[in-house]
Amino acid sequence: QVQLVESGGGLVQAGGSLRLSCVVSGTSFRFNRMAWYRWAPGKERELVARISSGGSTNYADSVKGRFTISGDNAKNTVYLQMNSLKLEDTGVYYCGLGAPFPRYWGQGTQVTVSS
């Protein structure tokens, strides 16, 4: 049974940083495409970043240069390092596993950026 558990969200001031973690169990993330999505009130779901099984990465234009997706094979964990956070980064962040669209999802972690 595949399970994804996110953590690392919280309240941070604009300009600050957070690192989100997504622990994968039931499969190895390195054989799958992993992605981070976010949902914000009044907005559509947005793909923030993804990493392929080959290690290639893609980012939404809104986070390029600020966010970095990476993985730790030994811990079977995918991270999202978020720097220079902006108010508009506020939302619930979910990690997903699968392609072309995630089949499995975590429970989400709230990120709130304050001014």
Protein backbone atom coordinates (compact mmCIF):
# COMPACT_ATOMS: atom_id res chain seq x y z
CA GLN A 1 0.00 0.00 0.00
CA VAL A 2 1.49 3.28 -1.13
CA GLN A 3 1.36 6.09 1.38
CA LEU A 4 2.69 9.63 1.29
CA VAL A 5 3.03 11.75 4.41
CA GLU A 6 3.89 15.44 4.17
CA SER A 7 5.32 17.62 6.89
CA GLY A 8 7.17 20.86 7.33
CA GLY A 9 4.46 23.41 6.72
CA GLY A 10 3.81 26.32 9.02
CA LEU A 11 3.59 30.06 9.41
CA VAL A 12 6.47 32.10 8.05
CA GLN A 13 7.06 35.74 7.26
CA ALA A 14 7.47 36.88 3.70
CA GLY A 15 11.06 36.41 2.63
CA GLY A 16 11.52 33.42 4.88
CA SER A 17 12.09 29.76 4.10
CA LEU A 18 10.50 26.41 4.74
CA ARG A 19 11.36 22.88 3.75
CA LEU A 20 8.55 20.46 3.11
CA SER A 21 9.08 16.72 3.33
CA CYS A 22 7.14 13.89 1.76
CA VAL A 23 7.92 10.45 3.14
CA VAL A 24 6.99 7.68 0.74
CA SER A 25 6.17 4.12 1.82
CA GLY A 26 5.00 1.10 -0.11
CA THR A 27 7.15 1.91 -3.13
CA SER A 28 10.37 3.68 -3.97
CA PHE A 29 9.96 7.24 -5.11
CA ARG A 30 13.01 7.01 -7.36
CA PHE A 31 11.09 4.75 -9.74
CA ASN A 32 8.22 7.20 -9.97
CA ARG A 33 7.56 10.78 -10.86
CA MET A 34 6.96 12.89 -7.79
CA ALA A 35 5.34 16.28 -7.70
CA TRP A 36 4.31 19.02 -5.33
CA TYR A 37 1.00 20.78 -5.88
CA ARG A 38 -0.65 23.54 -3.96
CA TRP A 39 -4.22 24.67 -3.46
CA ALA A 40 -5.05 28.15 -2.33
CA PRO A 41 -8.50 29.60 -1.61
CA GLY A 42 -10.04 30.99 -4.73
CA LYS A 43 -7.34 29.61 -6.96
CA GLU A 44 -6.98 26.57 -9.11
CA ARG A 45 -4.74 23.71 -8.17
CA GLU A 46 -1.21 24.52 -9.25
CA LEU A 47 1.68 22.23 -10.07
CA VAL A 48 4.60 23.71 -8.17
CA ALA A 49 7.43 21.31 -8.95
CA ARG A 50 8.06 17.79 -10.07
CA ILE A 51 10.96 15.41 -10.36
CA SER A 52 11.11 12.47 -12.72
CA SER A 53 12.48 9.03 -12.03
CA GLY A 54 15.53 10.12 -13.99
CA GLY A 55 16.04 13.13 -11.77
CA SER A 56 14.97 15.88 -14.15
CA THR A 57 13.00 18.68 -12.57
CA ASN A 58 10.36 21.17 -13.64
CA TYR A 59 8.97 24.20 -11.85
CA ALA A 60 6.08 26.55 -12.15
CA ASP A 61 7.19 29.93 -13.43
CA SER A 62 5.97 31.48 -10.21
CA VAL A 63 8.51 29.56 -8.11
CA LYS A 64 11.50 29.24 -10.42
CA GLY A 65 14.69 30.34 -8.71
CA ARG A 66 13.06 30.17 -5.27
CA PHE A 67 11.94 26.55 -4.83
CA THR A 68 13.95 23.36 -5.22
CA ILE A 69 12.61 19.82 -5.38
CA SER A 70 14.94 17.00 -4.42
CA GLY A 71 14.92 13.47 -3.14
CA ASP A 72 16.80 11.31 -0.66
CA ASN A 73 16.85 7.71 -1.81
CA ALA A 74 18.02 6.37 1.55
CA LYS A 75 15.11 8.03 3.33
CA ASN A 76 12.66 7.50 0.47
CA THR A 77 11.71 11.12 0.95
CA VAL A 78 11.11 14.00 -1.43
CA TYR A 79 11.68 17.57 -0.33
CA LEU A 80 10.56 20.98 -1.42
CA GLN A 81 12.91 23.71 -0.28
CA MET A 82 11.09 27.02 -0.43
CA ASN A 83 13.07 30.24 -0.16
CA SER A 84 12.12 33.89 -0.49
CA LEU A 85 8.53 33.04 0.28
CA LYS A 86 5.82 35.40 -0.88
CA LEU A 87 2.29 35.98 0.33
CA GLU A 88 0.98 34.27 -2.79
CA ASP A 89 2.78 31.07 -1.84
CA THR A 90 0.19 30.52 0.88
CA GLY A 91 -1.80 27.33 0.44
CA VAL A 92 -2.02 23.66 1.21
CA TYR A 93 0.83 21.75 -0.34
CA TYR A 94 0.39 18.16 -1.41
CA CYS A 95 2.89 15.71 -2.74
CA GLY A 96 1.80 13.27 -5.39
CA LEU A 97 3.24 10.12 -6.91
CA GLY A 98 2.61 8.89 -10.42
CA ALA A 99 2.51 9.99 -14.03
CA PRO A 100 1.20 11.58 -16.11
CA PHE A 101 -0.92 12.65 -13.16
CA PRO A 102 -0.41 11.61 -9.54
CA ARG A 103 -2.24 8.48 -8.54
CA TYR A 104 -1.36 8.73 -4.88
CA TRP A 105 -1.53 11.80 -2.67
CA GLY A 106 -0.52 12.80 0.79
CA GLN A 107 -2.78 14.52 3.28
CA GLY A 108 -1.32 17.96 2.67
CA THR A 109 0.54 20.47 4.78
CA GLN A 110 -0.49 24.08 5.28
CA VAL A 111 1.91 26.87 4.38
CA THR A 112 0.97 30.37 5.44
CA VAL A 113 3.12 33.34 4.50
CA SER A 114 2.47 36.53 6.43
CA SER A 115 3.50 40.10 5.74
